C-alpha atoms as a PDB file:
ATOM      1  CA  MET A   1      -5.705  -2.940 -33.151  1.00  0.00           C
ATOM      2  CA  SER A   2      -1.776  -2.809 -32.272  1.00  0.00           C
ATOM      3  CA  SER A   3       0.374  -5.456 -33.495  1.00  0.00           C
ATOM      4  CA  HIS A   4       3.079  -4.486 -30.925  1.00  0.00           C
ATOM      5  CA  PRO A   5       3.746  -7.081 -28.222  1.00  0.00           C
ATOM      6  CA  PRO A   6       2.073  -6.639 -24.787  1.00  0.00           C
ATOM      7  CA  ILE A   7       4.550  -4.588 -22.378  1.00  0.00           C
ATOM      8  CA  VAL A   8       3.546  -6.973 -19.961  1.00  0.00           C
ATOM      9  CA  SER A   9       2.598 -10.610 -20.575  1.00  0.00           C
ATOM     10  CA  PRO A  10      -1.387 -11.525 -19.884  1.00  0.00           C
ATOM     11  CA  GLU A  11      -0.062 -14.405 -17.983  1.00  0.00           C
ATOM     12  CA  THR A  12       1.350 -11.824 -14.954  1.00  0.00           C
ATOM     13  CA  VAL A  13      -1.891  -9.630 -15.608  1.00  0.00           C
ATOM     14  CA  GLU A  14      -4.100 -12.344 -14.788  1.00  0.00           C
ATOM     15  CA  ARG A  15      -2.001 -13.350 -12.311  1.00  0.00           C
ATOM     16  CA  ILE A  16      -1.639  -9.903 -10.802  1.00  0.00           C
ATOM     17  CA  ALA A  17      -5.669  -9.844 -11.003  1.00  0.00           C
ATOM     18  CA  GLU A  18      -6.180 -12.509  -9.113  1.00  0.00           C
ATOM     19  CA  LEU A  19      -3.788 -11.167  -6.379  1.00  0.00           C
ATOM     20  CA  SER A  20      -6.215  -8.074  -6.170  1.00  0.00           C
ATOM     21  CA  GLU A  21      -9.451  -9.789  -6.210  1.00  0.00           C
ATOM     22  CA  LEU A  22     -11.678  -8.477  -2.729  1.00  0.00           C
ATOM     23  CA  THR A  23     -11.669 -11.838  -1.314  1.00  0.00           C
ATOM     24  CA  PRO A  24     -11.940 -12.705   2.727  1.00  0.00           C
ATOM     25  CA  SER A  25      -8.347 -13.273   2.326  1.00  0.00           C
ATOM     26  CA  TYR A  26      -7.284 -10.564   1.503  1.00  0.00           C
ATOM     27  CA  MET A  27      -9.821  -8.212   3.500  1.00  0.00           C
ATOM     28  CA  VAL A  28      -8.414 -10.195   6.618  1.00  0.00           C
ATOM     29  CA  LEU A  29      -4.882  -9.557   5.913  1.00  0.00           C
ATOM     30  CA  MET A  30      -5.532  -6.106   5.339  1.00  0.00           C
ATOM     31  CA  VAL A  31      -8.139  -5.536   8.564  1.00  0.00           C
ATOM     32  CA  THR A  32      -4.849  -7.711  10.398  1.00  0.00           C
ATOM     33  CA  ALA A  33      -1.790  -5.206   9.074  1.00  0.00           C
ATOM     34  CA  GLY A  34      -4.666  -1.999  10.335  1.00  0.00           C
ATOM     35  CA  VAL A  35      -4.810  -3.246  13.521  1.00  0.00           C
ATOM     36  CA  LEU A  36      -0.997  -4.297  14.401  1.00  0.00           C
ATOM     37  CA  SER A  37      -0.162  -0.557  12.567  1.00  0.00           C
ATOM     38  CA  ALA A  38      -2.064   1.244  14.871  1.00  0.00           C
ATOM     39  CA  VAL A  39      -0.786  -0.982  17.860  1.00  0.00           C
ATOM     40  CA  ALA A  40       2.686  -0.756  16.884  1.00  0.00           C
ATOM     41  CA  MET A  41       2.614   3.245  16.078  1.00  0.00           C
ATOM     42  CA  LEU A  42       1.084   3.059  20.163  1.00  0.00           C
ATOM     43  CA  THR A  43       3.397   1.213  21.524  1.00  0.00           C
ATOM     44  CA  ASN A  44       6.523   2.703  19.127  1.00  0.00           C
ATOM     45  CA  SER A  45       7.123  -0.796  18.227  1.00  0.00           C
ATOM     46  CA  VAL A  46       9.279  -0.753  14.669  1.00  0.00           C
ATOM     47  CA  PRO A  47       9.209  -4.943  14.812  1.00  0.00           C
ATOM     48  CA  VAL A  48       5.768  -5.077  15.266  1.00  0.00           C
ATOM     49  CA  LEU A  49       4.806  -2.239  12.663  1.00  0.00           C
ATOM     50  CA  ILE A  50       7.539  -4.411  10.539  1.00  0.00           C
ATOM     51  CA  GLY A  51       5.456  -7.935  11.206  1.00  0.00           C
ATOM     52  CA  SER A  52       2.090  -5.205  10.232  1.00  0.00           C
ATOM     53  CA  MET A  53       3.620  -5.155   6.999  1.00  0.00           C
ATOM     54  CA  VAL A  54       4.704  -8.056   5.773  1.00  0.00           C
ATOM     55  CA  ILE A  55       1.000  -9.305   5.749  1.00  0.00           C
ATOM     56  CA  ALA A  56      -0.201  -6.592   3.824  1.00  0.00           C
ATOM     57  CA  PRO A  57      -1.244  -7.575   0.279  1.00  0.00           C
ATOM     58  CA  ALA A  58      -1.485  -3.349  -0.517  1.00  0.00           C
ATOM     59  CA  LEU A  59       1.191  -3.607  -3.538  1.00  0.00           C
ATOM     60  CA  PRO A  60      -1.207  -5.815  -6.132  1.00  0.00           C
ATOM     61  CA  PRO A  61      -4.250  -3.549  -6.339  1.00  0.00           C
ATOM     62  CA  LEU A  62      -1.644  -0.698  -7.533  1.00  0.00           C
ATOM     63  CA  ALA A  63       0.369  -2.832  -9.479  1.00  0.00           C
ATOM     64  CA  LEU A  64      -2.497  -3.617 -11.241  1.00  0.00           C
ATOM     65  CA  ILE A  65      -3.540   0.554 -11.787  1.00  0.00           C
ATOM     66  CA  SER A  66      -0.248   0.879 -13.266  1.00  0.00           C
ATOM     67  CA  PHE A  67      -0.920  -2.145 -15.646  1.00  0.00           C
ATOM     68  CA  ALA A  68      -4.056  -0.917 -16.624  1.00  0.00           C
ATOM     69  CA  ILE A  69      -2.111   2.581 -17.285  1.00  0.00           C
ATOM     70  CA  VAL A  70       0.442   1.144 -19.251  1.00  0.00           C
ATOM     71  CA  ASN A  71      -2.154  -0.849 -21.160  1.00  0.00           C
ATOM     72  CA  ARG A  72      -4.651   1.863 -21.337  1.00  0.00           C
ATOM     73  CA  ASP A  73      -7.396  -0.718 -20.161  1.00  0.00           C
ATOM     74  CA  ALA A  74     -10.180   1.621 -17.930  1.00  0.00           C
ATOM     75  CA  LYS A  75     -12.131  -1.636 -16.271  1.00  0.00           C
ATOM     76  CA  MET A  76      -8.715  -2.619 -15.216  1.00  0.00           C
ATOM     77  CA  ALA A  77      -7.924   0.352 -13.458  1.00  0.00           C
ATOM     78  CA  ILE A  78     -11.422   0.744 -11.842  1.00  0.00           C
ATOM     79  CA  LYS A  79     -11.189  -2.847 -10.223  1.00  0.00           C
ATOM     80  CA  GLY A  80      -7.115  -2.180  -8.800  1.00  0.00           C
ATOM     81  CA  THR A  81      -8.499   1.438  -7.634  1.00  0.00           C
ATOM     82  CA  ILE A  82     -11.735  -0.715  -5.571  1.00  0.00           C
ATOM     83  CA  SER A  83      -9.231  -3.088  -4.484  1.00  0.00           C
ATOM     84  CA  SER A  84      -7.293  -0.681  -3.090  1.00  0.00           C
ATOM     85  CA  GLY A  85      -9.235   1.860  -2.007  1.00  0.00           C
ATOM     86  CA  ALA A  86     -11.470  -1.412  -0.006  1.00  0.00           C
ATOM     87  CA  GLY A  87      -8.506  -2.733   1.280  1.00  0.00           C
ATOM     88  CA  LEU A  88      -6.379   0.412   2.658  1.00  0.00           C
ATOM     89  CA  GLY A  89     -10.308   1.564   4.068  1.00  0.00           C
ATOM     90  CA  LEU A  90     -10.629  -1.514   6.192  1.00  0.00           C
ATOM     91  CA  ALA A  91      -7.242  -1.030   7.386  1.00  0.00           C
ATOM     92  CA  ILE A  92      -7.799   2.514   8.578  1.00  0.00           C
ATOM     93  CA  ALA A  93     -11.182   1.335   9.894  1.00  0.00           C
ATOM     94  CA  ALA A  94      -9.537  -1.483  11.504  1.00  0.00           C
ATOM     95  CA  ALA A  95      -6.897   0.971  13.151  1.00  0.00           C
ATOM     96  CA  LEU A  96      -9.476   3.027  14.223  1.00  0.00           C
ATOM     97  CA  ILE A  97     -11.498   0.659  16.231  1.00  0.00           C
ATOM     98  CA  ILE A  98      -8.465  -0.819  17.421  1.00  0.00           C
ATOM     99  CA  THR A  99      -7.649   2.127  18.915  1.00  0.00           C
ATOM    100  CA  TRP A 100     -10.903   2.989  20.644  1.00  0.00           C
ATOM    101  CA  ILE A 101     -11.206  -0.254  22.111  1.00  0.00           C
ATOM    102  CA  LEU A 102      -7.339   0.150  23.486  1.00  0.00           C
ATOM    103  CA  ASN A 103      -8.606   3.656  24.614  1.00  0.00           C
ATOM    104  CA  VAL A 104     -11.997   3.081  26.967  1.00  0.00           C
ATOM    105  CA  THR A 105     -10.732  -0.179  28.064  1.00  0.00           C
ATOM    106  CA  HIS A 106      -8.115   1.812  29.892  1.00  0.00           C
ATOM    107  CA  ALA A 107      -5.266  -0.650  28.284  1.00  0.00           C
ATOM    108  CA  ILE A 108      -3.451   2.605  27.693  1.00  0.00           C
ATOM    109  CA  PRO A 109      -3.560   4.780  30.411  1.00  0.00           C
ATOM    110  CA  PRO A 110      -5.579   7.859  30.066  1.00  0.00           C
ATOM    111  CA  GLU A 111      -2.832  10.282  31.051  1.00  0.00           C
ATOM    112  CA  THR A 112      -0.923   9.013  27.829  1.00  0.00           C
ATOM    113  CA  SER A 113      -1.153  10.699  24.662  1.00  0.00           C
ATOM    114  CA  LEU A 114      -2.229   8.782  21.632  1.00  0.00           C
ATOM    115  CA  ILE A 115      -0.077  11.065  19.211  1.00  0.00           C
ATOM    116  CA  GLU A 116       2.768  11.987  20.953  1.00  0.00           C
ATOM    117  CA  LYS A 117       4.576   8.986  19.423  1.00  0.00           C
ATOM    118  CA  THR A 118       7.844   9.132  16.904  1.00  0.00           C
ATOM    119  CA  LEU A 119       6.278   6.917  14.573  1.00  0.00           C
ATOM    120  CA  LEU A 120       3.328   8.186  14.259  1.00  0.00           C
ATOM    121  CA  GLU A 121       4.913  11.767  13.768  1.00  0.00           C
ATOM    122  CA  GLU A 122       6.842  10.594  10.780  1.00  0.00           C
ATOM    123  CA  ARG A 123       3.500   9.330   9.112  1.00  0.00           C
ATOM    124  CA  VAL A 124       1.411  12.290   9.203  1.00  0.00           C
ATOM    125  CA  THR A 125       3.734  14.521   7.924  1.00  0.00           C
ATOM    126  CA  PRO A 126       5.067  14.383   4.114  1.00  0.00           C
ATOM    127  CA  GLY A 127       8.554  15.280   3.280  1.00  0.00           C
ATOM    128  CA  LEU A 128      11.379  13.944   0.962  1.00  0.00           C
ATOM    129  CA  TYR A 129      11.852  10.728   2.899  1.00  0.00           C
ATOM    130  CA  SER A 130       8.348   9.232   2.293  1.00  0.00           C
ATOM    131  CA  VAL A 131       8.823  10.539  -1.082  1.00  0.00           C
ATOM    132  CA  ILE A 132      12.120   8.713  -1.990  1.00  0.00           C
ATOM    133  CA  THR A 133      10.537   5.484  -0.023  1.00  0.00           C
ATOM    134  CA  ALA A 134       6.911   5.252  -2.042  1.00  0.00           C
ATOM    135  CA  ILE A 135       9.580   5.980  -5.463  1.00  0.00           C
ATOM    136  CA  ALA A 136      11.608   2.939  -4.178  1.00  0.00           C
ATOM    137  CA  ALA A 137       8.388   0.752  -3.772  1.00  0.00           C
ATOM    138  CA  GLY A 138       6.563   1.456  -6.985  1.00  0.00           C
ATOM    139  CA  ILE A 139       9.991   0.487  -8.626  1.00  0.00           C
ATOM    140  CA  ALA A 140      11.396  -2.410  -6.619  1.00  0.00           C
ATOM    141  CA  GLY A 141       7.615  -3.619  -6.250  1.00  0.00           C
ATOM    142  CA  ILE A 142       6.553  -3.927 -10.078  1.00  0.00           C
ATOM    143  CA  ILE A 143       9.544  -5.162 -10.954  1.00  0.00           C
ATOM    144  CA  ALA A 144       9.570  -8.417  -8.047  1.00  0.00           C
ATOM    145  CA  LEU A 145       5.943  -9.074  -9.644  1.00  0.00           C
ATOM    146  CA  THR A 146       6.666  -8.792 -12.917  1.00  0.00           C
ATOM    147  CA  GLU A 147       9.442 -11.195 -12.659  1.00  0.00           C
ATOM    148  CA  ARG A 148       8.183 -13.285 -10.093  1.00  0.00           C
ATOM    149  CA  LYS A 149      10.377 -12.796  -7.873  1.00  0.00           C
ATOM    150  CA  THR A 150       7.584 -12.086  -4.920  1.00  0.00           C
ATOM    151  CA  ASP A 151      10.029 -14.299  -2.450  1.00  0.00           C
ATOM    152  CA  THR A 152      12.158 -11.026  -1.433  1.00  0.00           C
ATOM    153  CA  LEU A 153       9.201  -9.376   0.224  1.00  0.00           C
ATOM    154  CA  VAL A 154       9.589  -6.554  -1.703  1.00  0.00           C
ATOM    155  CA  GLY A 155       5.734  -5.570  -0.831  1.00  0.00           C
ATOM    156  CA  VAL A 156       6.408  -4.586   2.546  1.00  0.00           C
ATOM    157  CA  VAL A 157       7.902  -1.323   1.475  1.00  0.00           C
ATOM    158  CA  ALA A 158       5.005  -0.838  -0.443  1.00  0.00           C
ATOM    159  CA  ALA A 159       2.580  -1.588   2.620  1.00  0.00           C
ATOM    160  CA  LEU A 160       4.833   0.555   4.943  1.00  0.00           C
ATOM    161  CA  ALA A 161       4.318   3.150   2.539  1.00  0.00           C
ATOM    162  CA  LEU A 162       0.553   2.865   2.797  1.00  0.00           C
ATOM    163  CA  VAL A 163      -1.046   1.330   5.681  1.00  0.00           C
ATOM    164  CA  PRO A 164       1.111   2.661   8.586  1.00  0.00           C
ATOM    165  CA  ALA A 165      -0.222   6.135   7.347  1.00  0.00           C
ATOM    166  CA  GLY A 166      -3.876   5.369   7.198  1.00  0.00           C
ATOM    167  CA  ALA A 167      -3.203   4.501  11.119  1.00  0.00           C
ATOM    168  CA  ALA A 168      -1.570   7.248  11.749  1.00  0.00           C
ATOM    169  CA  ALA A 169      -4.319   9.332  10.439  1.00  0.00           C
ATOM    170  CA  ALA A 170      -7.241   7.090  12.545  1.00  0.00           C
ATOM    171  CA  ILE A 171      -5.352   7.440  15.596  1.00  0.00           C
ATOM    172  CA  ALA A 172      -5.149  11.440  14.722  1.00  0.00           C
ATOM    173  CA  PHE A 173      -8.949  11.239  14.201  1.00  0.00           C
ATOM    174  CA  LEU A 174      -9.619   9.775  17.721  1.00  0.00           C
ATOM    175  CA  SER A 175      -7.611  12.651  19.521  1.00  0.00           C
ATOM    176  CA  GLU A 176      -9.236  14.874  17.967  1.00  0.00           C
ATOM    177  CA  ASP A 177      -6.368  16.125  15.998  1.00  0.00           C
ATOM    178  CA  PRO A 178      -7.199  17.311  12.107  1.00  0.00           C
ATOM    179  CA  HIS A 179      -3.799  18.630  11.556  1.00  0.00           C
ATOM    180  CA  ARG A 180      -2.184  15.393  12.255  1.00  0.00           C
ATOM    181  CA  CYS A 181      -5.328  13.347  10.419  1.00  0.00           C
ATOM    182  CA  TRP A 182      -4.898  15.344   7.464  1.00  0.00           C
ATOM    183  CA  GLY A 183      -1.531  14.874   7.304  1.00  0.00           C
ATOM    184  CA  GLY A 184      -1.920  11.362   7.154  1.00  0.00           C
ATOM    185  CA  LEU A 185      -4.272  11.123   4.562  1.00  0.00           C
ATOM    186  CA  ALA A 186      -1.866  13.013   2.730  1.00  0.00           C
ATOM    187  CA  LEU A 187       0.877  11.133   3.111  1.00  0.00           C
ATOM    188  CA  LEU A 188      -1.368   8.447   2.087  1.00  0.00           C
ATOM    189  CA  GLY A 189      -2.700   9.814  -0.766  1.00  0.00           C
ATOM    190  CA  ILE A 190       0.609  10.719  -1.650  1.00  0.00           C
ATOM    191  CA  ASN A 191       2.321   7.809  -1.688  1.00  0.00           C
ATOM    192  CA  MET A 192      -0.300   5.791  -3.790  1.00  0.00           C
ATOM    193  CA  VAL A 193      -0.001   8.489  -6.653  1.00  0.00           C
ATOM    194  CA  LEU A 194       3.952   8.160  -6.395  1.00  0.00           C
ATOM    195  CA  ILE A 195       3.982   4.439  -6.270  1.00  0.00           C
ATOM    196  CA  ILE A 196       1.864   3.916  -9.309  1.00  0.00           C
ATOM    197  CA  ALA A 197       3.620   6.701 -11.528  1.00  0.00           C
ATOM    198  CA  SER A 198       7.003   5.104 -10.414  1.00  0.00           C
ATOM    199  CA  SER A 199       5.599   1.645 -11.403  1.00  0.00           C
ATOM    200  CA  VAL A 200       4.712   2.765 -14.967  1.00  0.00           C
ATOM    201  CA  ALA A 201       7.838   4.419 -15.252  1.00  0.00           C
ATOM    202  CA  THR A 202       9.428   1.648 -14.777  1.00  0.00           C
ATOM    203  CA  LEU A 203       7.050  -0.718 -17.001  1.00  0.00           C
ATOM    204  CA  LEU A 204       7.609   2.437 -19.979  1.00  0.00           C
ATOM    205  CA  PHE A 205      11.258   1.782 -19.137  1.00  0.00           C
ATOM    206  CA  TYR A 206      11.654  -1.821 -19.573  1.00  0.00           C
ATOM    207  CA  ALA A 207       8.958  -2.299 -22.295  1.00  0.00           C
ATOM    208  CA  PRO A 208      11.194  -2.855 -25.239  1.00  0.00           C
ATOM    209  CA  LYS A 209      13.133  -5.473 -22.950  1.00  0.00           C
ATOM    210  CA  ASN A 210       9.266  -7.035 -22.284  1.00  0.00           C
ATOM    211  CA  ARG A 211       7.729  -7.047 -25.690  1.00  0.00           C
ATOM    212  CA  LEU A 212      10.793  -9.056 -26.769  1.00  0.00           C
ATOM    213  CA  LYS A 213      10.207 -11.515 -24.077  1.00  0.00           C
ATOM    214  CA  ASN A 214       6.838 -11.716 -24.725  1.00  0.00           C
ATOM    215  CA  LYS A 215       7.180 -12.007 -28.767  1.00  0.00           C
ATOM    216  CA  ALA A 216       9.153 -14.806 -28.237  1.00  0.00           C
ATOM    217  CA  LYS A 217       6.762 -16.404 -26.174  1.00  0.00           C
ATOM    218  CA  THR A 218       4.087 -16.343 -28.701  1.00  0.00           C
END
């Protein structure tokens, strides 16, 4: 067994694990974020899109996966993966359902194209900007969580890289546009991987400092 102090303190891991629990509040917030994200893209409303990301607790499960990688904890990784997958799955399902309801009730005029929207187009095509956003979100997010600087709402950036891509895929699916649907899902997957990878790299970069800090506490 290694005598080195952990890179991430047990208290921090426990706190993030609690935030990643599949509680009713976590699931409701992800559903609400999916609904608002879909509405935002259907109406091209940036304020609504940002508001939907403020309430989305999408970052903690990915942070938990990052902690699991640096700590080589398979059980923790599985927990984070299940929580993240379930939360994003609920958000996508909610986006799909609300788009269908708005469509069949003609709240959206029948002649309106669901997919010819600027906000949606940006979230069905992986590109350099999305890569930079995801990497920055991973770095800022993991620092905020480990340093307890959650009051900065840094998780909004991570959520912005995730939930809208899934919602865009749902809208494209209803529009029978498989190209854009797969594009949204691909962007979602790429962003998840990049957020986790940049978080792990950040944790390893700060490893010496964090080990000293954790050693001082023991």
